[in-house]
Amino acid sequence: MINLTQEMSERINNALANRTPCILATASATGEPSLGYKGSVMVFDDGHLAYWERVRRGLLDHIEQNPKVTVLYSDLAARTHWRFHGEATVYQTGPIREQIMARTVQAELDRDP
């Protein structure tokens, strides 16, 4: 497990405002890839990233079929790039879902249908 640094936390938590949103990469159970910008990616704790899924199709379907994901952070101007590999967990209800929602940037919540 990675130990996310303070720099990672600051950059990732402010990525949408800094116009450097993270990209989430997934693959279906049959290997079909998918990518999507996720402006709500955040450092949840020292070893975990989280994001608020507002689209609820495509990437979410893939995660439910195959939890292996990659998150890419890239700030070209700062020449800072990170790639995180791991397994995602979907929280449809419960306290972790509520914590993620409470920490999600307002702009992403405002776009949630």
PDB file of N, CA and C in Angstrom:
ATOM      1  N   MET A   1       0.847  -1.177   0.000  1.00  0.00           N
ATOM      2  CA  MET A   1       0.000   0.000   0.000  1.00  0.00           C
ATOM      3  C   MET A   1       0.894   1.243   0.000  1.00  0.00           C
ATOM      4  N   ILE A   2       0.457   2.257  -0.711  1.00  0.00           N
ATOM      5  CA  ILE A   2       1.200   3.509  -0.787  1.00  0.00           C
ATOM      6  C   ILE A   2       0.901   4.372   0.437  1.00  0.00           C
ATOM      7  N   ASN A   3       1.868   5.174   0.803  1.00  0.00           N
ATOM      8  CA  ASN A   3       1.660   6.187   1.832  1.00  0.00           C
ATOM      9  C   ASN A   3       1.583   7.522   1.097  1.00  0.00           C
ATOM     10  N   LEU A   4       0.387   8.041   0.945  1.00  0.00           N
ATOM     11  CA  LEU A   4       0.182   9.281   0.202  1.00  0.00           C
ATOM     12  C   LEU A   4       0.793  10.449   0.969  1.00  0.00           C
ATOM     13  N   THR A   5       1.585  11.254   0.279  1.00  0.00           N
ATOM     14  CA  THR A   5       2.306  12.365   0.906  1.00  0.00           C
ATOM     15  C   THR A   5       1.421  13.603   1.017  1.00  0.00           C
ATOM     16  N   GLN A   6       1.904  14.573   1.767  1.00  0.00           N
ATOM     17  CA  GLN A   6       1.198  15.856   1.894  1.00  0.00           C
ATOM     18  C   GLN A   6       1.103  16.546   0.537  1.00  0.00           C
ATOM     19  N   GLU A   7       2.167  16.483  -0.261  1.00  0.00           N
ATOM     20  CA  GLU A   7       2.130  17.088  -1.596  1.00  0.00           C
ATOM     21  C   GLU A   7       1.059  16.418  -2.457  1.00  0.00           C
ATOM     22  N   MET A   8       0.996  15.096  -2.413  1.00  0.00           N
ATOM     23  CA  MET A   8      -0.029  14.385  -3.176  1.00  0.00           C
ATOM     24  C   MET A   8      -1.416  14.813  -2.728  1.00  0.00           C
ATOM     25  N   SER A   9      -1.615  14.892  -1.434  1.00  0.00           N
ATOM     26  CA  SER A   9      -2.902  15.289  -0.890  1.00  0.00           C
ATOM     27  C   SER A   9      -3.290  16.687  -1.366  1.00  0.00           C
ATOM     28  N   GLU A  10      -2.394  17.631  -1.261  1.00  0.00           N
ATOM     29  CA  GLU A  10      -2.692  19.006  -1.669  1.00  0.00           C
ATOM     30  C   GLU A  10      -2.993  19.101  -3.156  1.00  0.00           C
ATOM     31  N   ARG A  11      -2.189  18.440  -3.977  1.00  0.00           N
ATOM     32  CA  ARG A  11      -2.383  18.515  -5.431  1.00  0.00           C
ATOM     33  C   ARG A  11      -3.666  17.795  -5.861  1.00  0.00           C
ATOM     34  N   ILE A  12      -3.878  16.592  -5.360  1.00  0.00           N
ATOM     35  CA  ILE A  12      -5.051  15.823  -5.769  1.00  0.00           C
ATOM     36  C   ILE A  12      -6.330  16.466  -5.241  1.00  0.00           C
ATOM     37  N   ASN A  13      -6.335  16.903  -4.003  1.00  0.00           N
ATOM     38  CA  ASN A  13      -7.544  17.502  -3.429  1.00  0.00           C
ATOM     39  C   ASN A  13      -7.922  18.822  -4.088  1.00  0.00           C
ATOM     40  N   ASN A  14      -6.983  19.461  -4.750  1.00  0.00           N
ATOM     41  CA  ASN A  14      -7.247  20.729  -5.429  1.00  0.00           C
ATOM     42  C   ASN A  14      -7.158  20.605  -6.946  1.00  0.00           C
ATOM     43  N   ALA A  15      -7.165  19.389  -7.438  1.00  0.00           N
ATOM     44  CA  ALA A  15      -6.944  19.154  -8.862  1.00  0.00           C
ATOM     45  C   ALA A  15      -7.996  19.813  -9.749  1.00  0.00           C
ATOM     46  N   LEU A  16      -9.253  19.722  -9.386  1.00  0.00           N
ATOM     47  CA  LEU A  16     -10.294  20.324 -10.219  1.00  0.00           C
ATOM     48  C   LEU A  16     -10.120  21.837 -10.273  1.00  0.00           C
ATOM     49  N   ALA A  17      -9.911  22.470  -9.146  1.00  0.00           N
ATOM     50  CA  ALA A  17      -9.721  23.924  -9.101  1.00  0.00           C
ATOM     51  C   ALA A  17      -8.469  24.344  -9.867  1.00  0.00           C
ATOM     52  N   ASN A  18      -7.457  23.480  -9.880  1.00  0.00           N
ATOM     53  CA  ASN A  18      -6.197  23.785 -10.569  1.00  0.00           C
ATOM     54  C   ASN A  18      -6.207  23.341 -12.031  1.00  0.00           C
ATOM     55  N   ARG A  19      -7.355  22.851 -12.498  1.00  0.00           N
ATOM     56  CA  ARG A  19      -7.520  22.416 -13.887  1.00  0.00           C
ATOM     57  C   ARG A  19      -6.613  21.239 -14.239  1.00  0.00           C
ATOM     58  N   THR A  20      -6.416  20.363 -13.248  1.00  0.00           N
ATOM     59  CA  THR A  20      -5.631  19.142 -13.452  1.00  0.00           C
ATOM     60  C   THR A  20      -6.394  17.932 -12.910  1.00  0.00           C
ATOM     61  N   PRO A  21      -7.655  17.745 -13.322  1.00  0.00           N
ATOM     62  CA  PRO A  21      -8.435  16.637 -12.751  1.00  0.00           C
ATOM     63  C   PRO A  21      -7.805  15.288 -13.054  1.00  0.00           C
ATOM     64  N   CYS A  22      -8.024  14.366 -12.154  1.00  0.00           N
ATOM     65  CA  CYS A  22      -7.498  13.014 -12.318  1.00  0.00           C
ATOM     66  C   CYS A  22      -8.293  12.268 -13.385  1.00  0.00           C
ATOM     67  N   ILE A  23      -7.656  11.254 -13.943  1.00  0.00           N
ATOM     68  CA  ILE A  23      -8.297  10.362 -14.893  1.00  0.00           C
ATOM     69  C   ILE A  23      -8.374   8.983 -14.251  1.00  0.00           C
ATOM     70  N   LEU A  24      -9.552   8.376 -14.316  1.00  0.00           N
ATOM     71  CA  LEU A  24      -9.762   7.029 -13.793  1.00  0.00           C
ATOM     72  C   LEU A  24      -9.820   6.073 -14.971  1.00  0.00           C
ATOM     73  N   ALA A  25      -9.019   5.017 -14.915  1.00  0.00           N
ATOM     74  CA  ALA A  25      -9.027   3.977 -15.945  1.00  0.00           C
ATOM     75  C   ALA A  25      -9.549   2.683 -15.349  1.00  0.00           C
ATOM     76  N   THR A  26     -10.466   2.049 -16.090  1.00  0.00           N
ATOM     77  CA  THR A  26     -11.065   0.797 -15.652  1.00  0.00           C
ATOM     78  C   THR A  26     -11.055  -0.181 -16.824  1.00  0.00           C
ATOM     79  N   ALA A  27     -11.405  -1.424 -16.531  1.00  0.00           N
ATOM     80  CA  ALA A  27     -11.610  -2.428 -17.571  1.00  0.00           C
ATOM     81  C   ALA A  27     -12.763  -3.326 -17.130  1.00  0.00           C
ATOM     82  N   SER A  28     -13.580  -3.696 -18.095  1.00  0.00           N
ATOM     83  CA  SER A  28     -14.707  -4.580 -17.796  1.00  0.00           C
ATOM     84  C   SER A  28     -14.190  -5.987 -17.499  1.00  0.00           C
ATOM     85  N   ALA A  29     -15.084  -6.868 -17.153  1.00  0.00           N
ATOM     86  CA  ALA A  29     -14.719  -8.263 -16.895  1.00  0.00           C
ATOM     87  C   ALA A  29     -14.106  -8.913 -18.133  1.00  0.00           C
ATOM     88  N   THR A  30     -14.490  -8.427 -19.328  1.00  0.00           N
ATOM     89  CA  THR A  30     -13.944  -8.979 -20.575  1.00  0.00           C
ATOM     90  C   THR A  30     -12.739  -8.202 -21.087  1.00  0.00           C
ATOM     91  N   GLY A  31     -12.306  -7.190 -20.325  1.00  0.00           N
ATOM     92  CA  GLY A  31     -11.110  -6.430 -20.692  1.00  0.00           C
ATOM     93  C   GLY A  31     -11.357  -5.165 -21.474  1.00  0.00           C
ATOM     94  N   GLU A  32     -12.609  -4.784 -21.688  1.00  0.00           N
ATOM     95  CA  GLU A  32     -12.911  -3.544 -22.405  1.00  0.00           C
ATOM     96  C   GLU A  32     -12.474  -2.351 -21.557  1.00  0.00           C
ATOM     97  N   PRO A  33     -11.538  -1.528 -22.050  1.00  0.00           N
ATOM     98  CA  PRO A  33     -11.049  -0.404 -21.255  1.00  0.00           C
ATOM     99  C   PRO A  33     -11.999   0.791 -21.307  1.00  0.00           C
ATOM    100  N   SER A  34     -11.883   1.644 -20.299  1.00  0.00           N
ATOM    101  CA  SER A  34     -12.621   2.893 -20.266  1.00  0.00           C
ATOM    102  C   SER A  34     -11.828   3.897 -19.436  1.00  0.00           C
ATOM    103  N   LEU A  35     -11.914   5.153 -19.822  1.00  0.00           N
ATOM    104  CA  LEU A  35     -11.247   6.250 -19.120  1.00  0.00           C
ATOM    105  C   LEU A  35     -12.254   7.354 -18.868  1.00  0.00           C
ATOM    106  N   GLY A  36     -12.063   8.084 -17.788  1.00  0.00           N
ATOM    107  CA  GLY A  36     -12.918   9.228 -17.531  1.00  0.00           C
ATOM    108  C   GLY A  36     -12.259  10.207 -16.576  1.00  0.00           C
ATOM    109  N   TYR A  37     -12.470  11.496 -16.842  1.00  0.00           N
ATOM    110  CA  TYR A  37     -12.012  12.523 -15.909  1.00  0.00           C
ATOM    111  C   TYR A  37     -12.888  12.476 -14.674  1.00  0.00           C
ATOM    112  N   LYS A  38     -12.256  12.572 -13.517  1.00  0.00           N
ATOM    113  CA  LYS A  38     -12.979  12.564 -12.248  1.00  0.00           C
ATOM    114  C   LYS A  38     -12.495  13.756 -11.415  1.00  0.00           C
ATOM    115  N   GLY A  39     -13.277  14.814 -11.441  1.00  0.00           N
ATOM    116  CA  GLY A  39     -12.908  16.024 -10.718  1.00  0.00           C
ATOM    117  C   GLY A  39     -13.050  15.925  -9.218  1.00  0.00           C
ATOM    118  N   SER A  40     -13.670  14.847  -8.752  1.00  0.00           N
ATOM    119  CA  SER A  40     -13.891  14.702  -7.314  1.00  0.00           C
ATOM    120  C   SER A  40     -12.865  13.799  -6.629  1.00  0.00           C
ATOM    121  N   VAL A  41     -11.851  13.322  -7.354  1.00  0.00           N
ATOM    122  CA  VAL A  41     -10.858  12.453  -6.709  1.00  0.00           C
ATOM    123  C   VAL A  41     -10.229  13.199  -5.543  1.00  0.00           C
ATOM    124  N   MET A  42     -10.102  12.481  -4.428  1.00  0.00           N
ATOM    125  CA  MET A  42      -9.536  13.069  -3.206  1.00  0.00           C
ATOM    126  C   MET A  42      -8.664  12.047  -2.508  1.00  0.00           C
ATOM    127  N   VAL A  43      -7.767  12.535  -1.674  1.00  0.00           N
ATOM    128  CA  VAL A  43      -7.041  11.653  -0.767  1.00  0.00           C
ATOM    129  C   VAL A  43      -7.968  11.436   0.420  1.00  0.00           C
ATOM    130  N   PHE A  44      -8.423  10.199   0.579  1.00  0.00           N
ATOM    131  CA  PHE A  44      -9.372   9.877   1.645  1.00  0.00           C
ATOM    132  C   PHE A  44      -8.654   9.690   2.982  1.00  0.00           C
ATOM    133  N   ASP A  45      -7.522   9.005   2.932  1.00  0.00           N
ATOM    134  CA  ASP A  45      -6.659   8.841   4.107  1.00  0.00           C
ATOM    135  C   ASP A  45      -5.253   8.546   3.605  1.00  0.00           C
ATOM    136  N   ASP A  46      -4.339   8.194   4.474  1.00  0.00           N
ATOM    137  CA  ASP A  46      -2.933   8.016   4.094  1.00  0.00           C
ATOM    138  C   ASP A  46      -2.700   6.997   2.989  1.00  0.00           C
ATOM    139  N   GLY A  47      -3.619   6.066   2.813  1.00  0.00           N
ATOM    140  CA  GLY A  47      -3.393   5.003   1.850  1.00  0.00           C
ATOM    141  C   GLY A  47      -4.488   4.805   0.825  1.00  0.00           C
ATOM    142  N   HIS A  48      -5.481   5.719   0.785  1.00  0.00           N
ATOM    143  CA  HIS A  48      -6.618   5.518  -0.104  1.00  0.00           C
ATOM    144  C   HIS A  48      -7.040   6.798  -0.811  1.00  0.00           C
ATOM    145  N   LEU A  49      -7.393   6.636  -2.075  1.00  0.00           N
ATOM    146  CA  LEU A  49      -8.056   7.681  -2.828  1.00  0.00           C
ATOM    147  C   LEU A  49      -9.541   7.359  -2.856  1.00  0.00           C
ATOM    148  N   ALA A  50     -10.360   8.371  -3.077  1.00  0.00           N
ATOM    149  CA  ALA A  50     -11.798   8.185  -3.213  1.00  0.00           C
ATOM    150  C   ALA A  50     -12.298   9.191  -4.239  1.00  0.00           C
ATOM    151  N   TYR A  51     -13.488   8.939  -4.753  1.00  0.00           N
ATOM    152  CA  TYR A  51     -14.135   9.920  -5.631  1.00  0.00           C
ATOM    153  C   TYR A  51     -15.637   9.709  -5.592  1.00  0.00           C
ATOM    154  N   TRP A  52     -16.369  10.735  -5.967  1.00  0.00           N
ATOM    155  CA  TRP A  52     -17.822  10.683  -6.020  1.00  0.00           C
ATOM    156  C   TRP A  52     -18.229  10.358  -7.453  1.00  0.00           C
ATOM    157  N   GLU A  53     -18.882   9.226  -7.638  1.00  0.00           N
ATOM    158  CA  GLU A  53     -19.335   8.827  -8.977  1.00  0.00           C
ATOM    159  C   GLU A  53     -20.708   9.417  -9.228  1.00  0.00           C
ATOM    160  N   ARG A  54     -20.784  10.367 -10.159  1.00  0.00           N
ATOM    161  CA  ARG A  54     -22.058  11.011 -10.434  1.00  0.00           C
ATOM    162  C   ARG A  54     -22.665  10.544 -11.748  1.00  0.00           C
ATOM    163  N   VAL A  55     -21.879   9.929 -12.615  1.00  0.00           N
ATOM    164  CA  VAL A  55     -22.390   9.504 -13.916  1.00  0.00           C
ATOM    165  C   VAL A  55     -23.133   8.174 -13.806  1.00  0.00           C
ATOM    166  N   ARG A  56     -22.633   7.269 -12.989  1.00  0.00           N
ATOM    167  CA  ARG A  56     -23.264   5.979 -12.675  1.00  0.00           C
ATOM    168  C   ARG A  56     -23.494   5.089 -13.891  1.00  0.00           C
ATOM    169  N   ARG A  57     -22.562   5.079 -14.805  1.00  0.00           N
ATOM    170  CA  ARG A  57     -22.590   4.131 -15.919  1.00  0.00           C
ATOM    171  C   ARG A  57     -21.153   3.980 -16.412  1.00  0.00           C
ATOM    172  N   GLY A  58     -20.913   3.047 -17.264  1.00  0.00           N
ATOM    173  CA  GLY A  58     -19.589   2.867 -17.846  1.00  0.00           C
ATOM    174  C   GLY A  58     -18.547   2.485 -16.828  1.00  0.00           C
ATOM    175  N   LEU A  59     -17.862   3.480 -16.279  1.00  0.00           N
ATOM    176  CA  LEU A  59     -16.785   3.209 -15.326  1.00  0.00           C
ATOM    177  C   LEU A  59     -17.296   2.478 -14.097  1.00  0.00           C
ATOM    178  N   LEU A  60     -18.449   2.866 -13.609  1.00  0.00           N
ATOM    179  CA  LEU A  60     -19.014   2.207 -12.425  1.00  0.00           C
ATOM    180  C   LEU A  60     -19.346   0.746 -12.736  1.00  0.00           C
ATOM    181  N   ASP A  61     -19.916   0.498 -13.910  1.00  0.00           N
ATOM    182  CA  ASP A  61     -20.192  -0.886 -14.312  1.00  0.00           C
ATOM    183  C   ASP A  61     -18.900  -1.695 -14.345  1.00  0.00           C
ATOM    184  N   HIS A  62     -17.859  -1.098 -14.895  1.00  0.00           N
ATOM    185  CA  HIS A  62     -16.566  -1.786 -14.960  1.00  0.00           C
ATOM    186  C   HIS A  62     -16.041  -2.106 -13.567  1.00  0.00           C
ATOM    187  N   ILE A  63     -16.106  -1.147 -12.664  1.00  0.00           N
ATOM    188  CA  ILE A  63     -15.599  -1.356 -11.304  1.00  0.00           C
ATOM    189  C   ILE A  63     -16.357  -2.489 -10.622  1.00  0.00           C
ATOM    190  N   GLU A  64     -17.653  -2.548 -10.842  1.00  0.00           N
ATOM    191  CA  GLU A  64     -18.434  -3.624 -10.233  1.00  0.00           C
ATOM    192  C   GLU A  64     -18.080  -4.986 -10.827  1.00  0.00           C
ATOM    193  N   GLN A  65     -17.670  -5.018 -12.090  1.00  0.00           N
ATOM    194  CA  GLN A  65     -17.258  -6.264 -12.743  1.00  0.00           C
ATOM    195  C   GLN A  65     -15.810  -6.634 -12.434  1.00  0.00           C
ATOM    196  N   ASN A  66     -14.961  -5.611 -12.355  1.00  0.00           N
ATOM    197  CA  ASN A  66     -13.520  -5.802 -12.223  1.00  0.00           C
ATOM    198  C   ASN A  66     -12.980  -4.629 -11.405  1.00  0.00           C
ATOM    199  N   PRO A  67     -12.665  -4.821 -10.142  1.00  0.00           N
ATOM    200  CA  PRO A  67     -12.309  -3.698  -9.279  1.00  0.00           C
ATOM    201  C   PRO A  67     -10.916  -3.094  -9.517  1.00  0.00           C
ATOM    202  N   LYS A  68     -10.128  -3.660 -10.409  1.00  0.00           N
ATOM    203  CA  LYS A  68      -8.785  -3.113 -10.642  1.00  0.00           C
ATOM    204  C   LYS A  68      -8.879  -1.814 -11.434  1.00  0.00           C
ATOM    205  N   VAL A  69      -8.277  -0.763 -10.886  1.00  0.00           N
ATOM    206  CA  VAL A  69      -8.338   0.564 -11.488  1.00  0.00           C
ATOM    207  C   VAL A  69      -6.953   1.214 -11.477  1.00  0.00           C
ATOM    208  N   THR A  70      -6.829   2.231 -12.294  1.00  0.00           N
ATOM    209  CA  THR A  70      -5.656   3.106 -12.274  1.00  0.00           C
ATOM    210  C   THR A  70      -6.166   4.537 -12.236  1.00  0.00           C
ATOM    211  N   VAL A  71      -5.544   5.354 -11.407  1.00  0.00           N
ATOM    212  CA  VAL A  71      -5.848   6.781 -11.351  1.00  0.00           C
ATOM    213  C   VAL A  71      -4.587   7.520 -11.779  1.00  0.00           C
ATOM    214  N   LEU A  72      -4.749   8.442 -12.720  1.00  0.00           N
ATOM    215  CA  LEU A  72      -3.627   9.227 -13.228  1.00  0.00           C
ATOM    216  C   LEU A  72      -3.813  10.683 -12.825  1.00  0.00           C
ATOM    217  N   TYR A  73      -2.781  11.247 -12.210  1.00  0.00           N
ATOM    218  CA  TYR A  73      -2.735  12.675 -11.921  1.00  0.00           C
ATOM    219  C   TYR A  73      -1.603  13.243 -12.757  1.00  0.00           C
ATOM    220  N   SER A  74      -1.853  14.346 -13.461  1.00  0.00           N
ATOM    221  CA  SER A  74      -0.813  14.949 -14.282  1.00  0.00           C
ATOM    222  C   SER A  74      -0.962  16.462 -14.289  1.00  0.00           C
ATOM    223  N   ASP A  75       0.084  17.139 -13.856  1.00  0.00           N
ATOM    224  CA  ASP A  75       0.166  18.592 -13.926  1.00  0.00           C
ATOM    225  C   ASP A  75       1.350  18.907 -14.828  1.00  0.00           C
ATOM    226  N   LEU A  76       1.069  19.161 -16.096  1.00  0.00           N
ATOM    227  CA  LEU A  76       2.138  19.374 -17.066  1.00  0.00           C
ATOM    228  C   LEU A  76       3.001  20.577 -16.715  1.00  0.00           C
ATOM    229  N   ALA A  77       2.372  21.662 -16.268  1.00  0.00           N
ATOM    230  CA  ALA A  77       3.123  22.875 -15.949  1.00  0.00           C
ATOM    231  C   ALA A  77       4.117  22.639 -14.815  1.00  0.00           C
ATOM    232  N   ALA A  78       3.719  21.863 -13.826  1.00  0.00           N
ATOM    233  CA  ALA A  78       4.588  21.586 -12.676  1.00  0.00           C
ATOM    234  C   ALA A  78       5.487  20.372 -12.911  1.00  0.00           C
ATOM    235  N   ARG A  79       5.278  19.683 -14.033  1.00  0.00           N
ATOM    236  CA  ARG A  79       6.032  18.463 -14.351  1.00  0.00           C
ATOM    237  C   ARG A  79       5.902  17.431 -13.221  1.00  0.00           C
ATOM    238  N   THR A  80       4.655  17.298 -12.750  1.00  0.00           N
ATOM    239  CA  THR A  80       4.342  16.358 -11.672  1.00  0.00           C
ATOM    240  C   THR A  80       3.314  15.368 -12.193  1.00  0.00           C
ATOM    241  N   HIS A  81       3.653  14.097 -12.134  1.00  0.00           N
ATOM    242  CA  HIS A  81       2.789  13.055 -12.671  1.00  0.00           C
ATOM    243  C   HIS A  81       2.824  11.856 -11.730  1.00  0.00           C
ATOM    244  N   TRP A  82       1.654  11.353 -11.393  1.00  0.00           N
ATOM    245  CA  TRP A  82       1.562  10.157 -10.554  1.00  0.00           C
ATOM    246  C   TRP A  82       0.536   9.215 -11.155  1.00  0.00           C
ATOM    247  N   ARG A  83       0.827   7.920 -11.032  1.00  0.00           N
ATOM    248  CA  ARG A  83      -0.104   6.877 -11.457  1.00  0.00           C
ATOM    249  C   ARG A  83      -0.299   5.946 -10.269  1.00  0.00           C
ATOM    250  N   PHE A  84      -1.551   5.770  -9.883  1.00  0.00           N
ATOM    251  CA  PHE A  84      -1.900   4.937  -8.737  1.00  0.00           C
ATOM    252  C   PHE A  84      -2.671   3.717  -9.235  1.00  0.00           C
ATOM    253  N   HIS A  85      -2.255   2.531  -8.827  1.00  0.00           N
ATOM    254  CA  HIS A  85      -2.935   1.287  -9.188  1.00  0.00           C
ATOM    255  C   HIS A  85      -3.542   0.698  -7.928  1.00  0.00           C
ATOM    256  N   GLY A  86      -4.727   0.136  -8.049  1.00  0.00           N
ATOM    257  CA  GLY A  86      -5.338  -0.486  -6.889  1.00  0.00           C
ATOM    258  C   GLY A  86      -6.648  -1.145  -7.226  1.00  0.00           C
ATOM    259  N   GLU A  87      -7.385  -1.481  -6.184  1.00  0.00           N
ATOM    260  CA  GLU A  87      -8.706  -2.072  -6.342  1.00  0.00           C
ATOM    261  C   GLU A  87      -9.728  -1.145  -5.705  1.00  0.00           C
ATOM    262  N   ALA A  88     -10.794  -0.901  -6.444  1.00  0.00           N
ATOM    263  CA  ALA A  88     -11.839   0.008  -5.990  1.00  0.00           C
ATOM    264  C   ALA A  88     -12.942  -0.765  -5.278  1.00  0.00           C
ATOM    265  N   THR A  89     -13.571  -0.090  -4.347  1.00  0.00           N
ATOM    266  CA  THR A  89     -14.745  -0.602  -3.656  1.00  0.00           C
ATOM    267  C   THR A  89     -15.873   0.395  -3.859  1.00  0.00           C
ATOM    268  N   VAL A  90     -17.043  -0.085  -4.224  1.00  0.00           N
ATOM    269  CA  VAL A  90     -18.212   0.769  -4.413  1.00  0.00           C
ATOM    270  C   VAL A  90     -19.031   0.757  -3.125  1.00  0.00           C
ATOM    271  N   TYR A  91     -19.311   1.937  -2.615  1.00  0.00           N
ATOM    272  CA  TYR A  91     -20.144   2.088  -1.413  1.00  0.00           C
ATOM    273  C   TYR A  91     -21.454   2.736  -1.834  1.00  0.00           C
ATOM    274  N   GLN A  92     -22.493   1.931  -1.993  1.00  0.00           N
ATOM    275  CA  GLN A  92     -23.800   2.450  -2.397  1.00  0.00           C
ATOM    276  C   GLN A  92     -24.508   3.153  -1.248  1.00  0.00           C
ATOM    277  N   THR A  93     -24.220   2.727  -0.015  1.00  0.00           N
ATOM    278  CA  THR A  93     -24.824   3.303   1.187  1.00  0.00           C
ATOM    279  C   THR A  93     -23.795   3.228   2.308  1.00  0.00           C
ATOM    280  N   GLY A  94     -24.121   3.865   3.419  1.00  0.00           N
ATOM    281  CA  GLY A  94     -23.302   3.712   4.609  1.00  0.00           C
ATOM    282  C   GLY A  94     -22.402   4.891   4.926  1.00  0.00           C
ATOM    283  N   PRO A  95     -21.671   4.784   6.042  1.00  0.00           N
ATOM    284  CA  PRO A  95     -20.884   5.908   6.539  1.00  0.00           C
ATOM    285  C   PRO A  95     -19.712   6.315   5.635  1.00  0.00           C
ATOM    286  N   ILE A  96     -19.073   5.365   4.975  1.00  0.00           N
ATOM    287  CA  ILE A  96     -17.955   5.747   4.095  1.00  0.00           C
ATOM    288  C   ILE A  96     -18.485   6.536   2.908  1.00  0.00           C
ATOM    289  N   ARG A  97     -19.594   6.103   2.328  1.00  0.00           N
ATOM    290  CA  ARG A  97     -20.207   6.850   1.228  1.00  0.00           C
ATOM    291  C   ARG A  97     -20.543   8.269   1.682  1.00  0.00           C
ATOM    292  N   GLU A  98     -21.103   8.395   2.865  1.00  0.00           N
ATOM    293  CA  GLU A  98     -21.477   9.712   3.383  1.00  0.00           C
ATOM    294  C   GLU A  98     -20.244  10.587   3.621  1.00  0.00           C
ATOM    295  N   GLN A  99     -19.156   9.997   4.109  1.00  0.00           N
ATOM    296  CA  GLN A  99     -17.915  10.753   4.315  1.00  0.00           C
ATOM    297  C   GLN A  99     -17.363  11.254   2.984  1.00  0.00           C
ATOM    298  N   ILE A 100     -17.403  10.397   1.967  1.00  0.00           N
ATOM    299  CA  ILE A 100     -16.915  10.807   0.641  1.00  0.00           C
ATOM    300  C   ILE A 100     -17.776  11.940   0.102  1.00  0.00           C
ATOM    301  N   MET A 101     -19.082  11.799   0.199  1.00  0.00           N
ATOM    302  CA  MET A 101     -19.982  12.848  -0.288  1.00  0.00           C
ATOM    303  C   MET A 101     -19.731  14.166   0.442  1.00  0.00           C
ATOM    304  N   ALA A 102     -19.530  14.110   1.749  1.00  0.00           N
ATOM    305  CA  ALA A 102     -19.300  15.319   2.544  1.00  0.00           C
ATOM    306  C   ALA A 102     -18.012  16.034   2.153  1.00  0.00           C
ATOM    307  N   ARG A 103     -17.052  15.292   1.632  1.00  0.00           N
ATOM    308  CA  ARG A 103     -15.759  15.875   1.268  1.00  0.00           C
ATOM    309  C   ARG A 103     -15.624  16.156  -0.231  1.00  0.00           C
ATOM    310  N   THR A 104     -16.659  15.841  -1.002  1.00  0.00           N
ATOM    311  CA  THR A 104     -16.621  16.044  -2.448  1.00  0.00           C
ATOM    312  C   THR A 104     -16.748  17.529  -2.770  1.00  0.00           C
ATOM    313  N   VAL A 105     -15.961  17.986  -3.739  1.00  0.00           N
ATOM    314  CA  VAL A 105     -16.014  19.398  -4.130  1.00  0.00           C
ATOM    315  C   VAL A 105     -17.427  19.731  -4.606  1.00  0.00           C
ATOM    316  N   GLN A 106     -17.904  20.887  -4.227  1.00  0.00           N
ATOM    317  CA  GLN A 106     -19.277  21.304  -4.516  1.00  0.00           C
ATOM    318  C   GLN A 106     -19.586  21.293  -5.996  1.00  0.00           C
ATOM    319  N   ALA A 107     -18.633  21.677  -6.834  1.00  0.00           N
ATOM    320  CA  ALA A 107     -18.874  21.709  -8.279  1.00  0.00           C
ATOM    321  C   ALA A 107     -19.266  20.341  -8.805  1.00  0.00           C
ATOM    322  N   GLU A 108     -18.715  19.282  -8.258  1.00  0.00           N
ATOM    323  CA  GLU A 108     -19.078  17.927  -8.687  1.00  0.00           C
ATOM    324  C   GLU A 108     -20.455  17.545  -8.164  1.00  0.00           C
ATOM    325  N   LEU A 109     -20.762  17.897  -6.936  1.00  0.00           N
ATOM    326  CA  LEU A 109     -22.086  17.605  -6.399  1.00  0.00           C
ATOM    327  C   LEU A 109     -23.164  18.368  -7.168  1.00  0.00           C
ATOM    328  N   ASP A 110     -22.873  19.593  -7.574  1.00  0.00           N
ATOM    329  CA  ASP A 110     -23.838  20.399  -8.311  1.00  0.00           C
ATOM    330  C   ASP A 110     -24.171  19.793  -9.664  1.00  0.00           C
ATOM    331  N   ARG A 111     -23.242  19.023 -10.240  1.00  0.00           N
ATOM    332  CA  ARG A 111     -23.461  18.383 -11.536  1.00  0.00           C
ATOM    333  C   ARG A 111     -24.071  16.985 -11.410  1.00  0.00           C
ATOM    334  N   ASP A 112     -24.290  16.526 -10.190  1.00  0.00           N
ATOM    335  CA  ASP A 112     -24.817  15.180  -9.965  1.00  0.00           C
ATOM    336  C   ASP A 112     -26.312  15.156 -10.242  1.00  0.00           C
ATOM    337  N   PRO A 113     -26.721  14.337 -11.225  1.00  0.00           N
ATOM    338  CA  PRO A 113     -28.154  14.303 -11.551  1.00  0.00           C
ATOM    339  C   PRO A 113     -28.961  13.659 -10.429  1.00  0.00           C
TER     340      PRO A 113
END
